[in-house]
PDB file of all heavy atoms in Angstrom:
ATOM      1  N   ILE A   1      -0.168  -9.847   4.701  1.00  0.00           N
ATOM      2  CA  ILE A   1      -1.234  -8.983   4.488  1.00  0.00           C
ATOM      3  C   ILE A   1      -1.562  -8.809   3.003  1.00  0.00           C
ATOM      4  O   ILE A   1      -0.581  -8.693   2.181  1.00  0.00           O
ATOM      5  CB  ILE A   1      -0.990  -7.608   5.002  1.00  0.00           C
ATOM      6  CG1 ILE A   1      -0.932  -7.826   6.622  1.00  0.00           C
ATOM      7  CG2 ILE A   1      -2.014  -6.663   4.781  1.00  0.00           C
ATOM      8  CD1 ILE A   1      -0.412  -6.466   7.318  1.00  0.00           C
ATOM      9  N   GLU A   2      -2.870  -8.939   2.555  1.00  0.00           N
ATOM     10  CA  GLU A   2      -3.221  -8.756   1.191  1.00  0.00           C
ATOM     11  C   GLU A   2      -4.135  -7.579   1.086  1.00  0.00           C
ATOM     12  O   GLU A   2      -5.079  -7.434   1.933  1.00  0.00           O
ATOM     13  CB  GLU A   2      -3.915  -9.874   0.637  1.00  0.00           C
ATOM     14  CG  GLU A   2      -4.390  -9.832  -0.685  1.00  0.00           C
ATOM     15  CD  GLU A   2      -5.084 -11.160  -1.147  1.00  0.00           C
ATOM     16  OE1 GLU A   2      -6.290 -11.406  -0.648  1.00  0.00           O
ATOM     17  OE2 GLU A   2      -4.580 -11.844  -1.989  1.00  0.00           O
ATOM     18  N   PHE A   3      -3.880  -6.699   0.121  1.00  0.00           N
ATOM     19  CA  PHE A   3      -4.766  -5.548  -0.163  1.00  0.00           C
ATOM     20  C   PHE A   3      -5.524  -6.000  -1.461  1.00  0.00           C
ATOM     21  O   PHE A   3      -4.902  -6.257  -2.497  1.00  0.00           O
ATOM     22  CB  PHE A   3      -3.974  -4.346  -0.454  1.00  0.00           C
ATOM     23  CG  PHE A   3      -3.261  -3.725   0.741  1.00  0.00           C
ATOM     24  CD1 PHE A   3      -2.006  -3.878   0.956  1.00  0.00           C
ATOM     25  CD2 PHE A   3      -4.054  -2.897   1.666  1.00  0.00           C
ATOM     26  CE1 PHE A   3      -1.387  -3.461   2.086  1.00  0.00           C
ATOM     27  CE2 PHE A   3      -3.431  -2.461   2.722  1.00  0.00           C
ATOM     28  CZ  PHE A   3      -2.023  -2.696   2.995  1.00  0.00           C
ATOM     29  N   ASP A   4      -6.801  -6.145  -1.238  1.00  0.00           N
ATOM     30  CA  ASP A   4      -7.599  -6.610  -2.486  1.00  0.00           C
ATOM     31  C   ASP A   4      -8.277  -5.348  -3.095  1.00  0.00           C
ATOM     32  O   ASP A   4      -9.153  -4.736  -2.412  1.00  0.00           O
ATOM     33  CB  ASP A   4      -8.687  -7.575  -2.067  1.00  0.00           C
ATOM     34  CG  ASP A   4      -9.448  -8.101  -3.262  1.00  0.00           C
ATOM     35  OD1 ASP A   4      -9.367  -7.610  -4.287  1.00  0.00           O
ATOM     36  OD2 ASP A   4     -10.266  -9.124  -2.861  1.00  0.00           O
ATOM     37  N   PHE A   5      -7.934  -4.951  -4.215  1.00  0.00           N
ATOM     38  CA  PHE A   5      -8.523  -3.757  -4.904  1.00  0.00           C
ATOM     39  C   PHE A   5      -9.536  -4.035  -5.855  1.00  0.00           C
ATOM     40  O   PHE A   5      -9.868  -3.328  -6.712  1.00  0.00           O
ATOM     41  CB  PHE A   5      -7.260  -3.007  -5.564  1.00  0.00           C
ATOM     42  CG  PHE A   5      -6.492  -2.154  -4.698  1.00  0.00           C
ATOM     43  CD1 PHE A   5      -5.402  -2.706  -4.053  1.00  0.00           C
ATOM     44  CD2 PHE A   5      -6.766  -0.808  -4.365  1.00  0.00           C
ATOM     45  CE1 PHE A   5      -4.492  -2.053  -3.192  1.00  0.00           C
ATOM     46  CE2 PHE A   5      -5.997  -0.064  -3.500  1.00  0.00           C
ATOM     47  CZ  PHE A   5      -4.855  -0.727  -2.896  1.00  0.00           C
ATOM     48  N   THR A   6     -10.118  -5.330  -5.896  1.00  0.00           N
ATOM     49  CA  THR A   6     -11.192  -5.716  -6.785  1.00  0.00           C
ATOM     50  C   THR A   6     -12.272  -4.665  -6.506  1.00  0.00           C
ATOM     51  O   THR A   6     -12.742  -4.450  -5.381  1.00  0.00           O
ATOM     52  CB  THR A   6     -11.640  -7.171  -6.466  1.00  0.00           C
ATOM     53  OG1 THR A   6     -10.470  -7.940  -6.580  1.00  0.00           O
ATOM     54  CG2 THR A   6     -12.731  -7.629  -7.342  1.00  0.00           C
ATOM     55  N   GLY A   7     -12.780  -4.191  -7.626  1.00  0.00           N
ATOM     56  CA  GLY A   7     -13.853  -3.300  -7.613  1.00  0.00           C
ATOM     57  C   GLY A   7     -13.486  -1.867  -7.553  1.00  0.00           C
ATOM     58  O   GLY A   7     -14.320  -0.849  -7.721  1.00  0.00           O
ATOM     59  N   VAL A   8     -12.329  -1.569  -7.305  1.00  0.00           N
ATOM     60  CA  VAL A   8     -11.712  -0.179  -7.188  1.00  0.00           C
ATOM     61  C   VAL A   8     -11.490   0.372  -8.605  1.00  0.00           C
ATOM     62  O   VAL A   8     -10.642  -0.298  -9.254  1.00  0.00           O
ATOM     63  CB  VAL A   8     -10.575   0.048  -6.237  1.00  0.00           C
ATOM     64  CG1 VAL A   8      -9.923   1.426  -6.314  1.00  0.00           C
ATOM     65  CG2 VAL A   8     -10.843  -0.344  -4.798  1.00  0.00           C
ATOM     66  N   ARG A   9     -12.183   1.275  -8.973  1.00  0.00           N
ATOM     67  CA  ARG A   9     -12.029   1.784 -10.315  1.00  0.00           C
ATOM     68  C   ARG A   9     -10.951   2.846 -10.579  1.00  0.00           C
ATOM     69  O   ARG A   9     -10.280   3.049 -11.591  1.00  0.00           O
ATOM     70  CB  ARG A   9     -13.379   2.341 -10.959  1.00  0.00           C
ATOM     71  CG  ARG A   9     -14.300   1.296 -10.999  1.00  0.00           C
ATOM     72  CD  ARG A   9     -15.705   1.790 -11.523  1.00  0.00           C
ATOM     73  NE  ARG A   9     -16.377   2.580 -10.509  1.00  0.00           N
ATOM     74  CZ  ARG A   9     -16.724   3.813 -10.542  1.00  0.00           C
ATOM     75  NH1 ARG A   9     -16.702   4.484 -11.777  1.00  0.00           N
ATOM     76  NH2 ARG A   9     -17.293   4.367  -9.581  1.00  0.00           N
ATOM     77  N   ILE A  10     -10.777   3.620  -9.557  1.00  0.00           N
ATOM     78  CA  ILE A  10      -9.891   4.870  -9.500  1.00  0.00           C
ATOM     79  C   ILE A  10      -9.535   5.089  -8.047  1.00  0.00           C
ATOM     80  O   ILE A  10     -10.301   4.950  -7.282  1.00  0.00           O
ATOM     81  CB  ILE A  10     -10.370   5.929 -10.357  1.00  0.00           C
ATOM     82  CG1 ILE A  10      -9.417   7.039 -10.661  1.00  0.00           C
ATOM     83  CG2 ILE A  10     -11.623   6.601  -9.694  1.00  0.00           C
ATOM     84  CD1 ILE A  10      -9.745   8.074 -11.704  1.00  0.00           C
ATOM     85  N   ALA A  11      -8.425   5.767  -7.883  1.00  0.00           N
ATOM     86  CA  ALA A  11      -8.042   6.295  -6.627  1.00  0.00           C
ATOM     87  C   ALA A  11      -7.121   7.437  -6.855  1.00  0.00           C
ATOM     88  O   ALA A  11      -6.721   7.629  -7.971  1.00  0.00           O
ATOM     89  CB  ALA A  11      -7.387   5.114  -5.732  1.00  0.00           C
ATOM     90  N   ASN A  12      -6.606   8.071  -5.858  1.00  0.00           N
ATOM     91  CA  ASN A  12      -5.589   9.151  -6.056  1.00  0.00           C
ATOM     92  C   ASN A  12      -4.349   8.858  -5.223  1.00  0.00           C
ATOM     93  O   ASN A  12      -4.422   8.046  -4.344  1.00  0.00           O
ATOM     94  CB  ASN A  12      -6.265  10.543  -5.782  1.00  0.00           C
ATOM     95  CG  ASN A  12      -6.601  10.780  -4.332  1.00  0.00           C
ATOM     96  OD1 ASN A  12      -6.116  10.037  -3.480  1.00  0.00           O
ATOM     97  ND2 ASN A  12      -7.543  11.663  -4.085  1.00  0.00           N
ATOM     98  N   SER A  13      -3.310   9.582  -5.453  1.00  0.00           N
ATOM     99  CA  SER A  13      -2.109   9.424  -5.011  1.00  0.00           C
ATOM    100  C   SER A  13      -2.175   9.741  -3.388  1.00  0.00           C
ATOM    101  O   SER A  13      -1.438   9.132  -2.608  1.00  0.00           O
ATOM    102  CB  SER A  13      -0.946  10.205  -5.573  1.00  0.00           C
ATOM    103  OG  SER A  13      -1.309  11.641  -5.539  1.00  0.00           O
ATOM    104  N   SER A  14      -2.923  10.607  -2.993  1.00  0.00           N
ATOM    105  CA  SER A  14      -2.979  10.966  -1.496  1.00  0.00           C
ATOM    106  C   SER A  14      -3.600   9.834  -0.803  1.00  0.00           C
ATOM    107  O   SER A  14      -2.993   9.516   0.309  1.00  0.00           O
ATOM    108  CB  SER A  14      -4.063  12.127  -1.353  1.00  0.00           C
ATOM    109  OG  SER A  14      -4.258  12.412  -0.108  1.00  0.00           O
ATOM    110  N   PHE A  15      -4.540   9.153  -1.297  1.00  0.00           N
ATOM    111  CA  PHE A  15      -5.042   7.954  -0.656  1.00  0.00           C
ATOM    112  C   PHE A  15      -4.026   6.785  -0.694  1.00  0.00           C
ATOM    113  O   PHE A  15      -3.760   6.225   0.388  1.00  0.00           O
ATOM    114  CB  PHE A  15      -6.320   7.371  -1.401  1.00  0.00           C
ATOM    115  CG  PHE A  15      -6.867   6.131  -0.845  1.00  0.00           C
ATOM    116  CD1 PHE A  15      -7.764   6.141   0.264  1.00  0.00           C
ATOM    117  CD2 PHE A  15      -6.518   4.851  -1.461  1.00  0.00           C
ATOM    118  CE1 PHE A  15      -8.226   4.952   0.750  1.00  0.00           C
ATOM    119  CE2 PHE A  15      -6.960   3.694  -0.962  1.00  0.00           C
ATOM    120  CZ  PHE A  15      -7.915   3.830   0.159  1.00  0.00           C
ATOM    121  N   MET A  16      -3.367   6.491  -1.681  1.00  0.00           N
ATOM    122  CA  MET A  16      -2.461   5.375  -1.825  1.00  0.00           C
ATOM    123  C   MET A  16      -1.180   5.648  -1.010  1.00  0.00           C
ATOM    124  O   MET A  16      -0.707   4.769  -0.233  1.00  0.00           O
ATOM    125  CB  MET A  16      -1.967   5.197  -3.319  1.00  0.00           C
ATOM    126  CG  MET A  16      -3.100   4.676  -4.068  1.00  0.00           C
ATOM    127  SD  MET A  16      -3.529   3.012  -3.540  1.00  0.00           S
ATOM    128  CE  MET A  16      -4.391   2.384  -5.000  1.00  0.00           C
ATOM    129  N   ASN A  17      -0.708   6.940  -1.089  1.00  0.00           N
ATOM    130  CA  ASN A  17       0.423   7.219  -0.265  1.00  0.00           C
ATOM    131  C   ASN A  17       0.136   7.136   1.231  1.00  0.00           C
ATOM    132  O   ASN A  17       0.930   6.544   1.948  1.00  0.00           O
ATOM    133  CB  ASN A  17       0.922   8.666  -0.532  1.00  0.00           C
ATOM    134  CG  ASN A  17       1.605   8.708  -1.850  1.00  0.00           C
ATOM    135  OD1 ASN A  17       2.034   7.688  -2.565  1.00  0.00           O
ATOM    136  ND2 ASN A  17       1.725  10.028  -2.372  1.00  0.00           N
ATOM    137  N   ALA A  18      -1.027   7.529   1.579  1.00  0.00           N
ATOM    138  CA  ALA A  18      -1.288   7.448   3.096  1.00  0.00           C
ATOM    139  C   ALA A  18      -1.654   5.971   3.491  1.00  0.00           C
ATOM    140  O   ALA A  18      -1.212   5.533   4.594  1.00  0.00           O
ATOM    141  CB  ALA A  18      -2.650   8.251   3.367  1.00  0.00           C
ATOM    142  N   LEU A  19      -2.107   5.174   2.626  1.00  0.00           N
ATOM    143  CA  LEU A  19      -2.341   3.770   2.833  1.00  0.00           C
ATOM    144  C   LEU A  19      -1.140   2.982   2.751  1.00  0.00           C
ATOM    145  O   LEU A  19      -0.879   1.984   3.644  1.00  0.00           O
ATOM    146  CB  LEU A  19      -3.380   3.159   1.872  1.00  0.00           C
ATOM    147  CG  LEU A  19      -3.971   1.764   2.225  1.00  0.00           C
ATOM    148  CD1 LEU A  19      -4.649   1.759   3.576  1.00  0.00           C
ATOM    149  CD2 LEU A  19      -4.798   1.230   1.048  1.00  0.00           C
ATOM    150  N   ILE A  20      -0.218   3.242   1.912  1.00  0.00           N
ATOM    151  CA  ILE A  20       0.937   2.227   1.618  1.00  0.00           C
ATOM    152  C   ILE A  20       2.363   2.834   1.849  1.00  0.00           C
ATOM    153  O   ILE A  20       3.029   2.159   2.439  1.00  0.00           O
ATOM    154  CB  ILE A  20       0.750   1.860   0.170  1.00  0.00           C
ATOM    155  CG1 ILE A  20      -0.414   1.061  -0.083  1.00  0.00           C
ATOM    156  CG2 ILE A  20       2.004   0.873  -0.301  1.00  0.00           C
ATOM    157  CD1 ILE A  20      -0.809   0.747  -1.571  1.00  0.00           C
ATOM    158  N   SER A  21       2.554   4.151   1.441  1.00  0.00           N
ATOM    159  CA  SER A  21       3.910   4.623   1.630  1.00  0.00           C
ATOM    160  C   SER A  21       4.453   4.614   3.012  1.00  0.00           C
ATOM    161  O   SER A  21       5.615   4.259   3.190  1.00  0.00           O
ATOM    162  CB  SER A  21       3.974   6.142   1.217  1.00  0.00           C
ATOM    163  OG  SER A  21       3.944   6.215  -0.166  1.00  0.00           O
ATOM    164  N   GLY A  22       3.666   5.000   3.991  1.00  0.00           N
ATOM    165  CA  GLY A  22       4.017   4.888   5.464  1.00  0.00           C
ATOM    166  C   GLY A  22       4.562   3.480   5.886  1.00  0.00           C
ATOM    167  O   GLY A  22       5.437   3.412   6.735  1.00  0.00           O
ATOM    168  N   LEU A  23       3.877   2.512   5.330  1.00  0.00           N
ATOM    169  CA  LEU A  23       4.304   1.147   5.708  1.00  0.00           C
ATOM    170  C   LEU A  23       5.744   0.899   5.242  1.00  0.00           C
ATOM    171  O   LEU A  23       6.607   0.371   6.038  1.00  0.00           O
ATOM    172  CB  LEU A  23       3.433   0.137   5.066  1.00  0.00           C
ATOM    173  CG  LEU A  23       1.912   0.119   5.459  1.00  0.00           C
ATOM    174  CD1 LEU A  23       1.074  -0.799   4.659  1.00  0.00           C
ATOM    175  CD2 LEU A  23       1.769  -0.216   6.879  1.00  0.00           C
ATOM    176  N   PHE A  24       6.115   1.256   4.084  1.00  0.00           N
ATOM    177  CA  PHE A  24       7.456   1.011   3.552  1.00  0.00           C
ATOM    178  C   PHE A  24       8.438   2.044   4.134  1.00  0.00           C
ATOM    179  O   PHE A  24       9.627   1.696   4.321  1.00  0.00           O
ATOM    180  CB  PHE A  24       7.365   1.117   2.050  1.00  0.00           C
ATOM    181  CG  PHE A  24       6.810  -0.147   1.421  1.00  0.00           C
ATOM    182  CD1 PHE A  24       5.482  -0.120   1.224  1.00  0.00           C
ATOM    183  CD2 PHE A  24       7.676  -1.350   1.270  1.00  0.00           C
ATOM    184  CE1 PHE A  24       4.924  -1.411   0.512  1.00  0.00           C
ATOM    185  CE2 PHE A  24       7.010  -2.464   0.763  1.00  0.00           C
ATOM    186  CZ  PHE A  24       5.726  -2.461   0.463  1.00  0.00           C
ATOM    187  N   GLU A  25       7.988   3.164   4.435  1.00  0.00           N
ATOM    188  CA  GLU A  25       8.871   4.223   5.128  1.00  0.00           C
ATOM    189  C   GLU A  25       9.250   3.656   6.464  1.00  0.00           C
ATOM    190  O   GLU A  25      10.366   3.819   6.842  1.00  0.00           O
ATOM    191  CB  GLU A  25       8.154   5.572   5.379  1.00  0.00           C
ATOM    192  CG  GLU A  25       9.026   6.545   6.070  1.00  0.00           C
ATOM    193  CD  GLU A  25       8.249   7.936   6.073  1.00  0.00           C
ATOM    194  OE1 GLU A  25       7.189   8.133   5.621  1.00  0.00           O
ATOM    195  OE2 GLU A  25       8.932   8.773   6.693  1.00  0.00           O
ATOM    196  N   GLN A  26       8.378   2.903   7.193  1.00  0.00           N
ATOM    197  CA  GLN A  26       8.749   2.465   8.531  1.00  0.00           C
ATOM    198  C   GLN A  26       9.504   1.129   8.410  1.00  0.00           C
ATOM    199  O   GLN A  26      10.409   0.912   9.149  1.00  0.00           O
ATOM    200  CB  GLN A  26       7.496   2.142   9.283  1.00  0.00           C
ATOM    201  CG  GLN A  26       6.685   3.339   9.750  1.00  0.00           C
ATOM    202  CD  GLN A  26       5.291   2.866  10.358  1.00  0.00           C
ATOM    203  OE1 GLN A  26       4.993   1.745  10.418  1.00  0.00           O
ATOM    204  NE2 GLN A  26       4.594   3.988  10.784  1.00  0.00           N
ATOM    205  N   HIS A  27       9.175   0.298   7.428  1.00  0.00           N
ATOM    206  CA  HIS A  27       9.745  -1.135   7.467  1.00  0.00           C
ATOM    207  C   HIS A  27      10.767  -1.392   6.373  1.00  0.00           C
ATOM    208  O   HIS A  27      11.378  -2.437   6.393  1.00  0.00           O
ATOM    209  CB  HIS A  27       8.610  -2.081   7.375  1.00  0.00           C
ATOM    210  CG  HIS A  27       7.638  -1.984   8.560  1.00  0.00           C
ATOM    211  ND1 HIS A  27       7.872  -2.441   9.757  1.00  0.00           N
ATOM    212  CD2 HIS A  27       6.443  -1.348   8.688  1.00  0.00           C
ATOM    213  CE1 HIS A  27       7.018  -2.065  10.629  1.00  0.00           C
ATOM    214  NE2 HIS A  27       6.091  -1.554  10.009  1.00  0.00           N
ATOM    215  N   GLY A  28      10.742  -0.603   5.281  1.00  0.00           N
ATOM    216  CA  GLY A  28      11.622  -0.750   4.179  1.00  0.00           C
ATOM    217  C   GLY A  28      11.267  -1.996   3.307  1.00  0.00           C
ATOM    218  O   GLY A  28      10.113  -2.421   3.293  1.00  0.00           O
ATOM    219  N   SER A  29      12.181  -2.426   2.524  1.00  0.00           N
ATOM    220  CA  SER A  29      12.013  -3.457   1.584  1.00  0.00           C
ATOM    221  C   SER A  29      11.639  -4.904   2.135  1.00  0.00           C
ATOM    222  O   SER A  29      11.045  -5.660   1.431  1.00  0.00           O
ATOM    223  CB  SER A  29      13.224  -3.659   0.673  1.00  0.00           C
ATOM    224  OG  SER A  29      14.337  -4.049   1.364  1.00  0.00           O
ATOM    225  N   SER A  30      11.932  -5.060   3.438  1.00  0.00           N
ATOM    226  CA  SER A  30      11.608  -6.403   4.036  1.00  0.00           C
ATOM    227  C   SER A  30      10.094  -6.536   3.995  1.00  0.00           C
ATOM    228  O   SER A  30       9.692  -7.794   3.997  1.00  0.00           O
ATOM    229  CB  SER A  30      12.111  -6.407   5.511  1.00  0.00           C
ATOM    230  OG  SER A  30      11.447  -5.507   6.228  1.00  0.00           O
ATOM    231  N   LEU A  31       9.389  -5.551   3.993  1.00  0.00           N
ATOM    232  CA  LEU A  31       7.868  -5.612   3.874  1.00  0.00           C
ATOM    233  C   LEU A  31       7.319  -6.213   2.658  1.00  0.00           C
ATOM    234  O   LEU A  31       6.273  -6.810   2.597  1.00  0.00           O
ATOM    235  CB  LEU A  31       7.296  -4.183   4.126  1.00  0.00           C
ATOM    236  CG  LEU A  31       5.871  -4.139   4.388  1.00  0.00           C
ATOM    237  CD1 LEU A  31       5.412  -4.977   5.797  1.00  0.00           C
ATOM    238  CD2 LEU A  31       5.377  -2.699   4.625  1.00  0.00           C
ATOM    239  N   LEU A  32       8.198  -6.216   1.561  1.00  0.00           N
ATOM    240  CA  LEU A  32       7.632  -6.725   0.212  1.00  0.00           C
ATOM    241  C   LEU A  32       7.283  -8.215   0.395  1.00  0.00           C
ATOM    242  O   LEU A  32       6.500  -8.624  -0.416  1.00  0.00           O
ATOM    243  CB  LEU A  32       8.825  -6.536  -0.756  1.00  0.00           C
ATOM    244  CG  LEU A  32       9.003  -5.100  -1.305  1.00  0.00           C
ATOM    245  CD1 LEU A  32      10.223  -4.909  -2.037  1.00  0.00           C
ATOM    246  CD2 LEU A  32       7.710  -4.593  -1.995  1.00  0.00           C
ATOM    247  N   SER A  33       8.003  -8.953   1.249  1.00  0.00           N
ATOM    248  CA  SER A  33       7.648 -10.358   1.262  1.00  0.00           C
ATOM    249  C   SER A  33       6.438 -10.671   2.054  1.00  0.00           C
ATOM    250  O   SER A  33       5.985 -11.788   2.065  1.00  0.00           O
ATOM    251  CB  SER A  33       8.830 -11.126   1.949  1.00  0.00           C
ATOM    252  OG  SER A  33       9.120 -10.644   3.235  1.00  0.00           O
ATOM    253  N   ASN A  34       5.923  -9.684   2.883  1.00  0.00           N
ATOM    254  CA  ASN A  34       4.670  -9.842   3.653  1.00  0.00           C
ATOM    255  C   ASN A  34       3.535  -9.251   3.048  1.00  0.00           C
ATOM    256  O   ASN A  34       2.324  -9.565   3.502  1.00  0.00           O
ATOM    257  CB  ASN A  34       4.883  -9.204   5.035  1.00  0.00           C
ATOM    258  CG  ASN A  34       6.042  -9.889   5.732  1.00  0.00           C
ATOM    259  OD1 ASN A  34       7.251  -9.883   5.345  1.00  0.00           O
ATOM    260  ND2 ASN A  34       5.732 -10.238   6.957  1.00  0.00           N
ATOM    261  N   LEU A  35       3.522  -8.402   2.031  1.00  0.00           N
ATOM    262  CA  LEU A  35       2.399  -7.711   1.386  1.00  0.00           C
ATOM    263  C   LEU A  35       2.112  -8.250   0.008  1.00  0.00           C
ATOM    264  O   LEU A  35       3.014  -8.534  -0.750  1.00  0.00           O
ATOM    265  CB  LEU A  35       2.492  -6.253   1.296  1.00  0.00           C
ATOM    266  CG  LEU A  35       2.588  -5.333   2.578  1.00  0.00           C
ATOM    267  CD1 LEU A  35       2.775  -3.876   2.191  1.00  0.00           C
ATOM    268  CD2 LEU A  35       1.440  -5.697   3.411  1.00  0.00           C
TER     269      LEU A  35
END
């Protein structure tokens, strides 16, 4: 899975945590090779 942030000028931690943190909370470091 690729997250393409092209064109995103700014975001906040609430958005990023909701989008990304939960993935790593569920799957741990093994997810690093897939993202």
